[in-house]
Amino acid sequence: DVNIVGAGLENLLAAVNATLALDPVSLSFNAVPSGSGQTRQLALTLSNVSGSTKTLDLAIGTQPAGVSYSVSPATVSLAAGASTTVTVTMQAAVGATGHKQAFLEITEGGAHVAHAALFTLMK
């Protein structure tokens, strides 16, 4: 559940050893009328805070019923200290209702680097 990720616990070791910063750290597509079938896009900035080049793979985890999330591009290469912006798209199915959520998973060589929570409220 994206609303309780972390549950208030801090992992200071993970924070100190982070190699990638996200801005914002989560994306809300806000309230979408259930009959609209709307598509919305939001930008996410990735910043390489490590001392080496990173090649990152971006993918959406488990997709919820009624909403489809996608990310473009699916792979980015960032030099040390560099930033780039990716686009996350939400496509709502006509008639979908309720809270819809997923995670944007960011990996390097198959290893987890970071994630961003995605959320849409279908009204």
N, C-alpha and C. Protein backbone atom coordinates (compact mmCIF):
# COMPACT_ATOMS: atom_id res chain seq x y z
N ASP A 1 0.85 -1.18 0.00
CA ASP A 1 0.00 0.00 0.00
C ASP A 1 0.90 1.24 0.00
N VAL A 2 0.81 2.07 -1.03
CA VAL A 2 1.69 3.23 -1.15
C VAL A 2 1.46 4.25 -0.05
N ASN A 3 0.33 4.19 0.63
CA ASN A 3 0.04 5.15 1.68
C ASN A 3 0.78 4.85 2.99
N ILE A 4 1.33 3.65 3.12
CA ILE A 4 2.02 3.31 4.37
C ILE A 4 3.45 2.82 4.13
N VAL A 5 4.00 3.05 2.96
CA VAL A 5 5.37 2.64 2.68
C VAL A 5 6.30 3.29 3.69
N GLY A 6 7.12 2.48 4.29
CA GLY A 6 8.05 2.99 5.30
C GLY A 6 7.48 2.96 6.70
N ALA A 7 6.19 3.14 6.84
CA ALA A 7 5.50 3.09 8.13
C ALA A 7 6.18 3.93 9.20
N GLY A 8 6.86 5.01 8.78
CA GLY A 8 7.48 5.92 9.74
C GLY A 8 8.86 5.50 10.21
N LEU A 9 9.36 4.38 9.72
CA LEU A 9 10.68 3.92 10.13
C LEU A 9 11.74 4.51 9.21
N GLU A 10 12.84 4.95 9.78
CA GLU A 10 13.94 5.49 8.99
C GLU A 10 15.04 4.46 8.85
N ASN A 11 15.56 4.34 7.66
CA ASN A 11 16.70 3.47 7.42
C ASN A 11 17.87 4.39 7.09
N LEU A 12 18.58 4.82 8.13
CA LEU A 12 19.65 5.79 7.95
C LEU A 12 20.79 5.25 7.10
N LEU A 13 21.09 3.97 7.21
CA LEU A 13 22.16 3.40 6.41
C LEU A 13 21.81 3.48 4.92
N ALA A 14 20.56 3.17 4.58
CA ALA A 14 20.13 3.27 3.18
C ALA A 14 20.19 4.71 2.70
N ALA A 15 19.83 5.66 3.54
CA ALA A 15 19.86 7.07 3.15
C ALA A 15 21.29 7.54 2.90
N VAL A 16 22.21 7.15 3.78
CA VAL A 16 23.61 7.55 3.64
C VAL A 16 24.25 6.93 2.40
N ASN A 17 23.85 5.70 2.08
CA ASN A 17 24.43 4.98 0.94
C ASN A 17 23.67 5.17 -0.36
N ALA A 18 22.69 6.05 -0.40
CA ALA A 18 21.90 6.27 -1.62
C ALA A 18 22.79 6.73 -2.75
N THR A 19 22.51 6.22 -3.94
CA THR A 19 23.27 6.62 -5.13
C THR A 19 22.40 7.36 -6.14
N LEU A 20 21.10 7.43 -5.87
CA LEU A 20 20.16 8.08 -6.77
C LEU A 20 19.15 8.87 -5.96
N ALA A 21 18.89 10.11 -6.39
CA ALA A 21 17.88 10.94 -5.74
C ALA A 21 16.72 11.15 -6.72
N LEU A 22 15.50 11.10 -6.20
CA LEU A 22 14.30 11.30 -7.01
C LEU A 22 13.62 12.60 -6.60
N ASP A 23 13.09 13.33 -7.57
CA ASP A 23 12.34 14.55 -7.29
C ASP A 23 11.18 14.67 -8.25
N PRO A 24 9.95 14.52 -7.75
CA PRO A 24 9.57 14.23 -6.36
C PRO A 24 9.79 12.76 -6.02
N VAL A 25 9.62 12.42 -4.75
CA VAL A 25 9.86 11.04 -4.31
C VAL A 25 8.67 10.12 -4.58
N SER A 26 7.51 10.71 -4.85
CA SER A 26 6.32 9.95 -5.24
C SER A 26 5.51 10.80 -6.20
N LEU A 27 4.63 10.15 -6.96
CA LEU A 27 3.82 10.86 -7.95
C LEU A 27 2.35 10.58 -7.72
N SER A 28 1.56 11.64 -7.56
CA SER A 28 0.12 11.52 -7.44
C SER A 28 -0.52 12.13 -8.67
N PHE A 29 -1.35 11.34 -9.32
CA PHE A 29 -2.10 11.82 -10.48
C PHE A 29 -3.43 12.43 -10.04
N ASN A 30 -3.61 12.55 -8.72
CA ASN A 30 -4.78 13.20 -8.12
C ASN A 30 -6.06 12.47 -8.46
N ALA A 31 -7.18 13.16 -8.29
CA ALA A 31 -8.50 12.56 -8.54
C ALA A 31 -8.83 12.62 -10.03
N VAL A 32 -9.29 11.50 -10.56
CA VAL A 32 -9.66 11.39 -11.97
C VAL A 32 -11.10 10.91 -12.03
N PRO A 33 -11.96 11.60 -12.77
CA PRO A 33 -13.36 11.13 -12.91
C PRO A 33 -13.39 9.72 -13.52
N SER A 34 -14.17 8.82 -12.92
CA SER A 34 -14.14 7.42 -13.33
C SER A 34 -14.63 7.19 -14.76
N GLY A 35 -15.45 8.06 -15.28
CA GLY A 35 -15.96 7.87 -16.64
C GLY A 35 -15.13 8.56 -17.71
N SER A 36 -14.02 9.16 -17.32
CA SER A 36 -13.29 10.02 -18.24
C SER A 36 -12.30 9.30 -19.16
N GLY A 37 -11.73 8.21 -18.70
CA GLY A 37 -10.70 7.54 -19.49
C GLY A 37 -9.48 8.42 -19.74
N GLN A 38 -9.21 9.33 -18.82
CA GLN A 38 -8.14 10.31 -18.99
C GLN A 38 -6.74 9.70 -19.01
N THR A 39 -5.86 10.42 -19.69
CA THR A 39 -4.42 10.14 -19.65
C THR A 39 -3.76 11.36 -19.05
N ARG A 40 -2.88 11.13 -18.09
CA ARG A 40 -2.13 12.23 -17.46
C ARG A 40 -0.66 11.85 -17.43
N GLN A 41 0.19 12.88 -17.51
CA GLN A 41 1.63 12.65 -17.45
C GLN A 41 2.26 13.53 -16.39
N LEU A 42 3.27 12.97 -15.71
CA LEU A 42 4.03 13.72 -14.72
C LEU A 42 5.52 13.47 -14.96
N ALA A 43 6.32 14.47 -14.62
CA ALA A 43 7.76 14.37 -14.77
C ALA A 43 8.41 13.95 -13.46
N LEU A 44 9.46 13.17 -13.57
CA LEU A 44 10.24 12.71 -12.42
C LEU A 44 11.71 12.94 -12.75
N THR A 45 12.42 13.65 -11.88
CA THR A 45 13.84 13.91 -12.10
C THR A 45 14.67 12.90 -11.32
N LEU A 46 15.62 12.27 -12.02
CA LEU A 46 16.55 11.33 -11.43
C LEU A 46 17.91 12.00 -11.38
N SER A 47 18.55 11.99 -10.21
CA SER A 47 19.88 12.60 -10.06
C SER A 47 20.85 11.57 -9.52
N ASN A 48 21.94 11.39 -10.25
CA ASN A 48 22.98 10.45 -9.85
C ASN A 48 23.86 11.13 -8.80
N VAL A 49 23.76 10.69 -7.56
CA VAL A 49 24.53 11.29 -6.47
C VAL A 49 25.76 10.44 -6.11
N SER A 50 26.06 9.49 -7.00
CA SER A 50 27.24 8.64 -6.78
C SER A 50 28.43 9.24 -7.53
N GLY A 51 29.57 8.60 -7.39
CA GLY A 51 30.77 9.07 -8.05
C GLY A 51 31.05 8.37 -9.37
N SER A 52 30.09 7.58 -9.87
CA SER A 52 30.32 6.84 -11.11
C SER A 52 29.08 6.87 -12.01
N THR A 53 29.29 6.56 -13.27
CA THR A 53 28.18 6.50 -14.23
C THR A 53 27.25 5.36 -13.88
N LYS A 54 25.95 5.60 -14.03
CA LYS A 54 24.94 4.59 -13.74
C LYS A 54 24.08 4.37 -14.98
N THR A 55 23.80 3.12 -15.30
CA THR A 55 22.82 2.77 -16.33
C THR A 55 21.65 2.14 -15.60
N LEU A 56 20.52 2.81 -15.67
CA LEU A 56 19.36 2.45 -14.87
C LEU A 56 18.21 1.95 -15.74
N ASP A 57 17.54 0.90 -15.26
CA ASP A 57 16.34 0.39 -15.90
C ASP A 57 15.15 0.81 -15.07
N LEU A 58 14.11 1.32 -15.75
CA LEU A 58 12.90 1.79 -15.07
C LEU A 58 11.71 0.96 -15.54
N ALA A 59 10.92 0.48 -14.60
CA ALA A 59 9.75 -0.33 -14.94
C ALA A 59 8.68 -0.14 -13.88
N ILE A 60 7.46 -0.33 -14.28
CA ILE A 60 6.33 -0.27 -13.35
C ILE A 60 6.15 -1.67 -12.78
N GLY A 61 5.99 -1.75 -11.47
CA GLY A 61 5.73 -3.02 -10.81
C GLY A 61 4.33 -3.52 -11.15
N THR A 62 3.72 -4.25 -10.28
CA THR A 62 2.39 -4.80 -10.50
C THR A 62 1.39 -3.70 -10.83
N GLN A 63 0.70 -3.86 -11.96
CA GLN A 63 -0.28 -2.86 -12.42
C GLN A 63 -1.63 -3.11 -11.75
N PRO A 64 -2.29 -2.05 -11.29
CA PRO A 64 -3.63 -2.22 -10.71
C PRO A 64 -4.68 -2.35 -11.81
N ALA A 65 -5.78 -3.00 -11.50
CA ALA A 65 -6.89 -3.07 -12.46
C ALA A 65 -7.51 -1.68 -12.61
N GLY A 66 -7.79 -1.29 -13.83
CA GLY A 66 -8.49 -0.03 -14.08
C GLY A 66 -7.59 1.15 -14.41
N VAL A 67 -6.30 1.01 -14.17
CA VAL A 67 -5.35 2.08 -14.49
C VAL A 67 -4.07 1.42 -15.02
N SER A 68 -3.50 2.03 -16.03
CA SER A 68 -2.24 1.54 -16.57
C SER A 68 -1.19 2.64 -16.43
N TYR A 69 -0.05 2.30 -15.83
CA TYR A 69 1.05 3.24 -15.70
C TYR A 69 2.17 2.81 -16.65
N SER A 70 2.91 3.80 -17.18
CA SER A 70 4.08 3.51 -17.99
C SER A 70 5.13 4.58 -17.75
N VAL A 71 6.38 4.28 -18.13
CA VAL A 71 7.47 5.23 -17.94
C VAL A 71 8.29 5.29 -19.22
N SER A 72 8.74 6.50 -19.55
CA SER A 72 9.55 6.70 -20.73
C SER A 72 10.63 7.73 -20.45
N PRO A 73 11.86 7.42 -20.80
CA PRO A 73 12.35 6.18 -21.38
C PRO A 73 12.45 5.08 -20.33
N ALA A 74 12.65 3.85 -20.80
CA ALA A 74 12.74 2.70 -19.88
C ALA A 74 14.16 2.47 -19.39
N THR A 75 15.14 3.10 -20.04
CA THR A 75 16.54 2.99 -19.63
C THR A 75 17.19 4.36 -19.74
N VAL A 76 17.97 4.72 -18.74
CA VAL A 76 18.72 5.98 -18.78
C VAL A 76 20.15 5.73 -18.32
N SER A 77 21.06 6.50 -18.86
CA SER A 77 22.45 6.46 -18.43
C SER A 77 22.79 7.83 -17.89
N LEU A 78 23.33 7.86 -16.67
CA LEU A 78 23.65 9.12 -16.01
C LEU A 78 25.10 9.14 -15.56
N ALA A 79 25.82 10.15 -16.00
CA ALA A 79 27.19 10.36 -15.52
C ALA A 79 27.13 10.76 -14.05
N ALA A 80 28.23 10.63 -13.36
CA ALA A 80 28.30 11.04 -11.95
C ALA A 80 27.87 12.50 -11.83
N GLY A 81 26.94 12.78 -10.93
CA GLY A 81 26.47 14.15 -10.70
C GLY A 81 25.43 14.64 -11.69
N ALA A 82 25.10 13.86 -12.70
CA ALA A 82 24.14 14.28 -13.73
C ALA A 82 22.70 13.99 -13.32
N SER A 83 21.77 14.68 -13.97
CA SER A 83 20.34 14.48 -13.76
C SER A 83 19.64 14.35 -15.10
N THR A 84 18.49 13.70 -15.07
CA THR A 84 17.64 13.61 -16.25
C THR A 84 16.19 13.54 -15.79
N THR A 85 15.30 13.82 -16.70
CA THR A 85 13.87 13.76 -16.39
C THR A 85 13.23 12.66 -17.22
N VAL A 86 12.40 11.85 -16.55
CA VAL A 86 11.62 10.82 -17.23
C VAL A 86 10.14 11.19 -17.09
N THR A 87 9.33 10.61 -17.95
CA THR A 87 7.88 10.88 -17.93
C THR A 87 7.13 9.63 -17.51
N VAL A 88 6.27 9.78 -16.51
CA VAL A 88 5.40 8.69 -16.07
C VAL A 88 3.99 9.03 -16.54
N THR A 89 3.36 8.07 -17.22
CA THR A 89 2.03 8.27 -17.79
C THR A 89 1.03 7.37 -17.08
N MET A 90 -0.14 7.93 -16.79
CA MET A 90 -1.26 7.19 -16.21
C MET A 90 -2.40 7.21 -17.22
N GLN A 91 -2.91 6.03 -17.58
CA GLN A 91 -4.06 5.89 -18.47
C GLN A 91 -5.17 5.21 -17.69
N ALA A 92 -6.26 5.94 -17.46
CA ALA A 92 -7.39 5.40 -16.70
C ALA A 92 -8.37 4.70 -17.63
N ALA A 93 -8.86 3.56 -17.20
CA ALA A 93 -9.91 2.87 -17.94
C ALA A 93 -11.25 3.53 -17.61
N VAL A 94 -12.13 3.62 -18.58
CA VAL A 94 -13.46 4.19 -18.35
C VAL A 94 -14.19 3.29 -17.35
N GLY A 95 -14.74 3.90 -16.30
CA GLY A 95 -15.51 3.17 -15.30
C GLY A 95 -14.71 2.67 -14.12
N ALA A 96 -13.39 2.83 -14.14
CA ALA A 96 -12.57 2.39 -12.99
C ALA A 96 -12.90 3.26 -11.78
N THR A 97 -12.88 2.65 -10.60
CA THR A 97 -13.15 3.39 -9.37
C THR A 97 -12.15 2.99 -8.29
N GLY A 98 -12.01 3.85 -7.30
CA GLY A 98 -11.20 3.53 -6.13
C GLY A 98 -9.77 4.02 -6.22
N HIS A 99 -8.99 3.63 -5.21
CA HIS A 99 -7.59 4.00 -5.11
C HIS A 99 -6.77 3.06 -5.99
N LYS A 100 -5.95 3.62 -6.86
CA LYS A 100 -5.09 2.83 -7.74
C LYS A 100 -3.64 3.19 -7.44
N GLN A 101 -2.81 2.18 -7.30
CA GLN A 101 -1.43 2.43 -6.91
C GLN A 101 -0.49 1.41 -7.52
N ALA A 102 0.74 1.85 -7.68
CA ALA A 102 1.79 0.98 -8.20
C ALA A 102 3.13 1.60 -7.78
N PHE A 103 4.21 0.93 -8.13
CA PHE A 103 5.54 1.46 -7.87
C PHE A 103 6.34 1.52 -9.16
N LEU A 104 7.05 2.62 -9.34
CA LEU A 104 8.06 2.72 -10.38
C LEU A 104 9.33 2.14 -9.76
N GLU A 105 9.81 1.05 -10.31
CA GLU A 105 11.00 0.37 -9.79
C GLU A 105 12.21 0.77 -10.62
N ILE A 106 13.28 1.17 -9.96
CA ILE A 106 14.51 1.58 -10.64
C ILE A 106 15.61 0.62 -10.22
N THR A 107 16.23 -0.02 -11.21
CA THR A 107 17.25 -1.02 -10.94
C THR A 107 18.51 -0.72 -11.77
N GLU A 108 19.61 -1.28 -11.31
CA GLU A 108 20.87 -1.23 -12.05
C GLU A 108 21.46 -2.62 -12.03
N GLY A 109 21.60 -3.22 -13.20
CA GLY A 109 22.12 -4.59 -13.27
C GLY A 109 21.26 -5.58 -12.51
N GLY A 110 19.97 -5.33 -12.44
CA GLY A 110 19.04 -6.21 -11.73
C GLY A 110 18.92 -5.93 -10.24
N ALA A 111 19.75 -5.06 -9.70
CA ALA A 111 19.71 -4.74 -8.26
C ALA A 111 18.86 -3.49 -8.02
N HIS A 112 18.03 -3.53 -7.00
CA HIS A 112 17.18 -2.40 -6.65
C HIS A 112 18.01 -1.19 -6.28
N VAL A 113 17.67 -0.04 -6.87
CA VAL A 113 18.36 1.22 -6.56
C VAL A 113 17.41 2.17 -5.85
N ALA A 114 16.18 2.28 -6.37
CA ALA A 114 15.19 3.21 -5.79
C ALA A 114 13.81 2.83 -6.30
N HIS A 115 12.80 3.44 -5.70
CA HIS A 115 11.44 3.29 -6.20
C HIS A 115 10.65 4.56 -5.89
N ALA A 116 9.60 4.77 -6.67
CA ALA A 116 8.68 5.89 -6.44
C ALA A 116 7.27 5.34 -6.42
N ALA A 117 6.50 5.77 -5.44
CA ALA A 117 5.10 5.36 -5.35
C ALA A 117 4.29 6.16 -6.36
N LEU A 118 3.34 5.48 -7.03
CA LEU A 118 2.42 6.11 -7.98
C LEU A 118 1.01 5.94 -7.45
N PHE A 119 0.20 6.99 -7.52
CA PHE A 119 -1.14 6.93 -6.94
C PHE A 119 -2.13 7.70 -7.80
N THR A 120 -3.31 7.13 -7.97
CA THR A 120 -4.44 7.79 -8.65
C THR A 120 -5.69 7.47 -7.89
N LEU A 121 -6.54 8.47 -7.65
CA LEU A 121 -7.85 8.26 -7.03
C LEU A 121 -8.90 8.37 -8.12
N MET A 122 -9.55 7.26 -8.43
CA MET A 122 -10.63 7.24 -9.42
C MET A 122 -11.93 7.53 -8.70
N LYS A 123 -12.58 8.65 -9.10
CA LYS A 123 -13.83 9.05 -8.44
C LYS A 123 -15.01 8.88 -9.36
